[in-house]
Amino acid sequence: MTISSDTKEIALEAFEEHRQFLLLLRTLDELTANNDSCMAKMHVLSEDLTHHILEEESCLLPQLSASASMATLKMLGSTYQEMMDSAMSNILPVDDHIRVR
């Protein structure tokens, strides 16, 4: 699979954005709802996620799709699904999360 330098740059930026989202989510998890910066952080997260999703859907995913074989795309999809299933199994339901605190 040949990936253009533009696609590689967009992908690297996307990975960095994913890392930043995780850091912000961890910060939010430690805040109380009445913390002065909580809503500001939620607003920033919402705007950043919206921008990120639009960029991935309009740029990265079409470029990846055009440059990868169907077998590679299926393998990436399977790997992604396994990672999502694993991540979701580690997330407490909202009610349990509230009771734990």
N, C-alpha and C. Protein backbone atom coordinates (compact mmCIF):
# COMPACT_ATOMS: atom_id res chain seq x y z
N MET A 1 0.84 -1.17 0.00
CA MET A 1 0.00 0.00 0.00
C MET A 1 0.89 1.23 0.00
N THR A 2 0.63 2.13 -0.94
CA THR A 2 1.37 3.37 -1.02
C THR A 2 0.51 4.49 -0.45
N ILE A 3 1.06 5.17 0.54
CA ILE A 3 0.33 6.26 1.17
C ILE A 3 1.04 7.56 0.84
N SER A 4 0.29 8.54 0.36
CA SER A 4 0.88 9.83 0.01
C SER A 4 1.36 10.54 1.27
N SER A 5 2.25 11.48 1.08
CA SER A 5 2.75 12.24 2.23
C SER A 5 1.64 13.06 2.87
N ASP A 6 0.68 13.53 2.06
CA ASP A 6 -0.46 14.27 2.61
C ASP A 6 -1.30 13.38 3.52
N THR A 7 -1.58 12.15 3.05
CA THR A 7 -2.37 11.22 3.84
C THR A 7 -1.64 10.87 5.13
N LYS A 8 -0.34 10.64 5.03
CA LYS A 8 0.45 10.31 6.22
C LYS A 8 0.41 11.46 7.22
N GLU A 9 0.54 12.69 6.73
CA GLU A 9 0.52 13.84 7.62
C GLU A 9 -0.84 13.99 8.31
N ILE A 10 -1.92 13.80 7.55
CA ILE A 10 -3.26 13.87 8.13
C ILE A 10 -3.45 12.77 9.17
N ALA A 11 -2.95 11.56 8.87
CA ALA A 11 -3.09 10.44 9.81
C ALA A 11 -2.31 10.71 11.10
N LEU A 12 -1.10 11.22 10.99
CA LEU A 12 -0.31 11.54 12.18
C LEU A 12 -0.99 12.62 13.01
N GLU A 13 -1.57 13.61 12.34
CA GLU A 13 -2.29 14.65 13.05
C GLU A 13 -3.51 14.05 13.76
N ALA A 14 -4.19 13.13 13.11
CA ALA A 14 -5.37 12.49 13.71
C ALA A 14 -4.97 11.71 14.96
N PHE A 15 -3.85 10.97 14.90
CA PHE A 15 -3.39 10.24 16.07
C PHE A 15 -3.10 11.19 17.23
N GLU A 16 -2.48 12.32 16.93
CA GLU A 16 -2.18 13.30 17.98
C GLU A 16 -3.47 13.87 18.57
N GLU A 17 -4.45 14.12 17.70
CA GLU A 17 -5.74 14.61 18.20
C GLU A 17 -6.41 13.57 19.09
N HIS A 18 -6.32 12.30 18.75
CA HIS A 18 -6.89 11.24 19.59
C HIS A 18 -6.23 11.27 20.97
N ARG A 19 -4.92 11.44 21.01
CA ARG A 19 -4.19 11.50 22.28
C ARG A 19 -4.66 12.69 23.10
N GLN A 20 -4.84 13.83 22.45
CA GLN A 20 -5.30 15.03 23.16
C GLN A 20 -6.72 14.84 23.70
N PHE A 21 -7.58 14.17 22.94
CA PHE A 21 -8.94 13.91 23.43
C PHE A 21 -8.89 13.07 24.69
N LEU A 22 -8.04 12.06 24.70
CA LEU A 22 -7.94 11.20 25.88
C LEU A 22 -7.46 11.99 27.10
N LEU A 23 -6.48 12.86 26.90
CA LEU A 23 -5.99 13.69 28.00
C LEU A 23 -7.09 14.61 28.53
N LEU A 24 -7.85 15.22 27.62
CA LEU A 24 -8.92 16.11 28.05
C LEU A 24 -10.03 15.34 28.75
N LEU A 25 -10.35 14.15 28.25
CA LEU A 25 -11.37 13.33 28.91
C LEU A 25 -10.93 12.93 30.32
N ARG A 26 -9.65 12.61 30.49
CA ARG A 26 -9.15 12.28 31.83
C ARG A 26 -9.26 13.49 32.76
N THR A 27 -8.94 14.66 32.24
CA THR A 27 -9.05 15.89 33.03
C THR A 27 -10.50 16.13 33.43
N LEU A 28 -11.41 15.97 32.47
CA LEU A 28 -12.83 16.17 32.77
C LEU A 28 -13.33 15.16 33.80
N ASP A 29 -12.84 13.95 33.74
CA ASP A 29 -13.27 12.91 34.68
C ASP A 29 -12.90 13.28 36.11
N GLU A 30 -11.86 14.08 36.27
CA GLU A 30 -11.41 14.46 37.61
C GLU A 30 -12.11 15.70 38.14
N LEU A 31 -12.85 16.40 37.28
CA LEU A 31 -13.52 17.63 37.69
C LEU A 31 -14.92 17.35 38.22
N THR A 32 -15.40 18.23 39.05
CA THR A 32 -16.79 18.16 39.46
C THR A 32 -17.61 19.02 38.49
N ALA A 33 -18.89 18.75 38.40
CA ALA A 33 -19.75 19.46 37.45
C ALA A 33 -19.81 20.96 37.73
N ASN A 34 -19.59 21.35 38.98
CA ASN A 34 -19.67 22.77 39.30
C ASN A 34 -18.31 23.47 39.21
N ASN A 35 -17.30 22.78 38.74
CA ASN A 35 -16.00 23.40 38.53
C ASN A 35 -16.13 24.46 37.44
N ASP A 36 -15.53 25.63 37.66
CA ASP A 36 -15.66 26.75 36.72
C ASP A 36 -15.20 26.41 35.31
N SER A 37 -14.20 25.57 35.18
CA SER A 37 -13.65 25.28 33.85
C SER A 37 -14.28 24.07 33.18
N CYS A 38 -15.16 23.37 33.87
CA CYS A 38 -15.75 22.15 33.33
C CYS A 38 -16.50 22.41 32.02
N MET A 39 -17.40 23.38 32.02
CA MET A 39 -18.18 23.66 30.81
C MET A 39 -17.29 24.18 29.67
N ALA A 40 -16.29 24.96 29.99
CA ALA A 40 -15.38 25.46 28.96
C ALA A 40 -14.63 24.29 28.32
N LYS A 41 -14.17 23.36 29.14
CA LYS A 41 -13.47 22.19 28.62
C LYS A 41 -14.41 21.32 27.77
N MET A 42 -15.64 21.17 28.21
CA MET A 42 -16.63 20.40 27.43
C MET A 42 -16.88 21.06 26.08
N HIS A 43 -16.96 22.38 26.06
CA HIS A 43 -17.18 23.11 24.81
C HIS A 43 -16.00 22.91 23.86
N VAL A 44 -14.79 23.02 24.38
CA VAL A 44 -13.58 22.81 23.56
C VAL A 44 -13.55 21.39 23.01
N LEU A 45 -13.86 20.42 23.86
CA LEU A 45 -13.87 19.03 23.43
C LEU A 45 -14.90 18.83 22.32
N SER A 46 -16.08 19.38 22.48
CA SER A 46 -17.13 19.24 21.47
C SER A 46 -16.71 19.84 20.13
N GLU A 47 -16.17 21.04 20.16
CA GLU A 47 -15.73 21.69 18.91
C GLU A 47 -14.58 20.92 18.27
N ASP A 48 -13.62 20.48 19.07
CA ASP A 48 -12.47 19.75 18.53
C ASP A 48 -12.90 18.41 17.93
N LEU A 49 -13.81 17.71 18.60
CA LEU A 49 -14.29 16.43 18.08
C LEU A 49 -15.04 16.61 16.77
N THR A 50 -15.89 17.63 16.71
CA THR A 50 -16.63 17.89 15.48
C THR A 50 -15.68 18.16 14.32
N HIS A 51 -14.70 19.02 14.55
CA HIS A 51 -13.70 19.31 13.51
C HIS A 51 -12.94 18.04 13.11
N HIS A 52 -12.53 17.27 14.09
CA HIS A 52 -11.76 16.05 13.86
C HIS A 52 -12.54 15.04 13.02
N ILE A 53 -13.80 14.82 13.37
CA ILE A 53 -14.63 13.86 12.65
C ILE A 53 -14.83 14.30 11.20
N LEU A 54 -15.14 15.57 11.02
CA LEU A 54 -15.33 16.07 9.65
C LEU A 54 -14.06 15.93 8.82
N GLU A 55 -12.92 16.21 9.42
CA GLU A 55 -11.64 16.09 8.70
C GLU A 55 -11.35 14.63 8.34
N GLU A 56 -11.58 13.72 9.29
CA GLU A 56 -11.34 12.31 8.98
C GLU A 56 -12.28 11.82 7.88
N GLU A 57 -13.56 12.19 7.97
CA GLU A 57 -14.53 11.70 6.99
C GLU A 57 -14.32 12.32 5.61
N SER A 58 -13.87 13.58 5.55
CA SER A 58 -13.73 14.23 4.26
C SER A 58 -12.35 14.08 3.64
N CYS A 59 -11.33 13.87 4.44
CA CYS A 59 -9.95 13.80 3.91
C CYS A 59 -9.28 12.45 4.11
N LEU A 60 -9.10 12.07 5.36
CA LEU A 60 -8.28 10.90 5.66
C LEU A 60 -8.90 9.60 5.16
N LEU A 61 -10.14 9.35 5.51
CA LEU A 61 -10.76 8.07 5.14
C LEU A 61 -10.88 7.89 3.62
N PRO A 62 -11.29 8.93 2.86
CA PRO A 62 -11.31 8.75 1.40
C PRO A 62 -9.92 8.50 0.82
N GLN A 63 -8.91 9.18 1.33
CA GLN A 63 -7.55 8.97 0.83
C GLN A 63 -7.06 7.56 1.16
N LEU A 64 -7.34 7.12 2.37
CA LEU A 64 -6.95 5.77 2.77
C LEU A 64 -7.66 4.74 1.92
N SER A 65 -8.94 4.95 1.72
CA SER A 65 -9.74 4.02 0.92
C SER A 65 -9.21 3.93 -0.50
N ALA A 66 -8.80 5.05 -1.06
CA ALA A 66 -8.30 5.07 -2.44
C ALA A 66 -6.93 4.42 -2.57
N SER A 67 -6.16 4.39 -1.49
CA SER A 67 -4.79 3.88 -1.59
C SER A 67 -4.60 2.48 -1.02
N ALA A 68 -5.64 1.91 -0.43
CA ALA A 68 -5.50 0.60 0.21
C ALA A 68 -6.32 -0.45 -0.54
N SER A 69 -5.84 -1.68 -0.46
CA SER A 69 -6.59 -2.79 -1.06
C SER A 69 -7.79 -3.12 -0.18
N MET A 70 -8.74 -3.83 -0.76
CA MET A 70 -9.93 -4.24 0.00
C MET A 70 -9.53 -5.12 1.18
N ALA A 71 -8.53 -5.99 1.00
CA ALA A 71 -8.08 -6.86 2.09
C ALA A 71 -7.51 -6.03 3.24
N THR A 72 -6.74 -5.00 2.90
CA THR A 72 -6.16 -4.13 3.93
C THR A 72 -7.25 -3.36 4.66
N LEU A 73 -8.23 -2.85 3.91
CA LEU A 73 -9.33 -2.12 4.54
C LEU A 73 -10.14 -3.02 5.47
N LYS A 74 -10.38 -4.27 5.06
CA LYS A 74 -11.11 -5.20 5.91
C LYS A 74 -10.31 -5.51 7.18
N MET A 75 -9.00 -5.69 7.03
CA MET A 75 -8.15 -5.96 8.19
C MET A 75 -8.16 -4.76 9.14
N LEU A 76 -8.08 -3.54 8.60
CA LEU A 76 -8.13 -2.35 9.44
C LEU A 76 -9.48 -2.25 10.16
N GLY A 77 -10.56 -2.55 9.45
CA GLY A 77 -11.88 -2.52 10.05
C GLY A 77 -12.02 -3.53 11.17
N SER A 78 -11.51 -4.74 10.97
CA SER A 78 -11.57 -5.77 12.00
C SER A 78 -10.75 -5.38 13.23
N THR A 79 -9.57 -4.85 12.98
CA THR A 79 -8.70 -4.42 14.09
C THR A 79 -9.37 -3.29 14.87
N TYR A 80 -9.94 -2.34 14.15
CA TYR A 80 -10.63 -1.23 14.80
C TYR A 80 -11.79 -1.74 15.65
N GLN A 81 -12.58 -2.65 15.10
CA GLN A 81 -13.74 -3.18 15.84
C GLN A 81 -13.29 -3.92 17.10
N GLU A 82 -12.22 -4.70 17.01
CA GLU A 82 -11.70 -5.40 18.18
C GLU A 82 -11.25 -4.41 19.25
N MET A 83 -10.58 -3.34 18.83
CA MET A 83 -10.11 -2.33 19.78
C MET A 83 -11.30 -1.61 20.43
N MET A 84 -12.32 -1.30 19.64
CA MET A 84 -13.51 -0.64 20.18
C MET A 84 -14.24 -1.55 21.16
N ASP A 85 -14.39 -2.82 20.81
CA ASP A 85 -15.05 -3.77 21.70
C ASP A 85 -14.30 -3.87 23.03
N SER A 86 -12.98 -3.92 22.95
CA SER A 86 -12.15 -4.00 24.16
C SER A 86 -12.29 -2.73 24.99
N ALA A 87 -12.24 -1.57 24.34
CA ALA A 87 -12.35 -0.29 25.05
C ALA A 87 -13.73 -0.16 25.69
N MET A 88 -14.77 -0.53 24.98
CA MET A 88 -16.12 -0.39 25.50
C MET A 88 -16.37 -1.32 26.68
N SER A 89 -15.70 -2.47 26.71
CA SER A 89 -15.90 -3.39 27.83
C SER A 89 -15.28 -2.85 29.11
N ASN A 90 -14.39 -1.86 28.99
CA ASN A 90 -13.74 -1.27 30.17
C ASN A 90 -14.45 -0.02 30.68
N ILE A 91 -15.52 0.39 30.00
CA ILE A 91 -16.24 1.59 30.40
C ILE A 91 -17.42 1.19 31.26
N LEU A 92 -17.51 1.82 32.44
CA LEU A 92 -18.64 1.56 33.33
C LEU A 92 -19.89 2.25 32.80
N PRO A 93 -21.04 1.63 32.95
CA PRO A 93 -22.27 2.35 32.62
C PRO A 93 -22.36 3.61 33.48
N VAL A 94 -23.06 4.61 33.00
CA VAL A 94 -23.14 5.89 33.69
C VAL A 94 -23.58 5.71 35.14
N ASP A 95 -24.60 4.91 35.39
CA ASP A 95 -25.09 4.73 36.76
C ASP A 95 -24.02 4.14 37.66
N ASP A 96 -23.28 3.15 37.17
CA ASP A 96 -22.21 2.54 37.97
C ASP A 96 -21.10 3.55 38.22
N HIS A 97 -20.78 4.35 37.22
CA HIS A 97 -19.72 5.35 37.37
C HIS A 97 -20.10 6.36 38.46
N ILE A 98 -21.36 6.76 38.48
CA ILE A 98 -21.81 7.73 39.48
C ILE A 98 -21.78 7.10 40.88
N ARG A 99 -22.20 5.84 40.99
CA ARG A 99 -22.21 5.18 42.30
C ARG A 99 -20.80 4.97 42.84
N VAL A 100 -19.81 4.74 41.94
CA VAL A 100 -18.45 4.49 42.39
C VAL A 100 -17.89 5.72 43.08
N ARG A 101 -18.23 6.89 42.57
CA ARG A 101 -17.70 8.13 43.15
C ARG A 101 -18.38 8.36 44.46
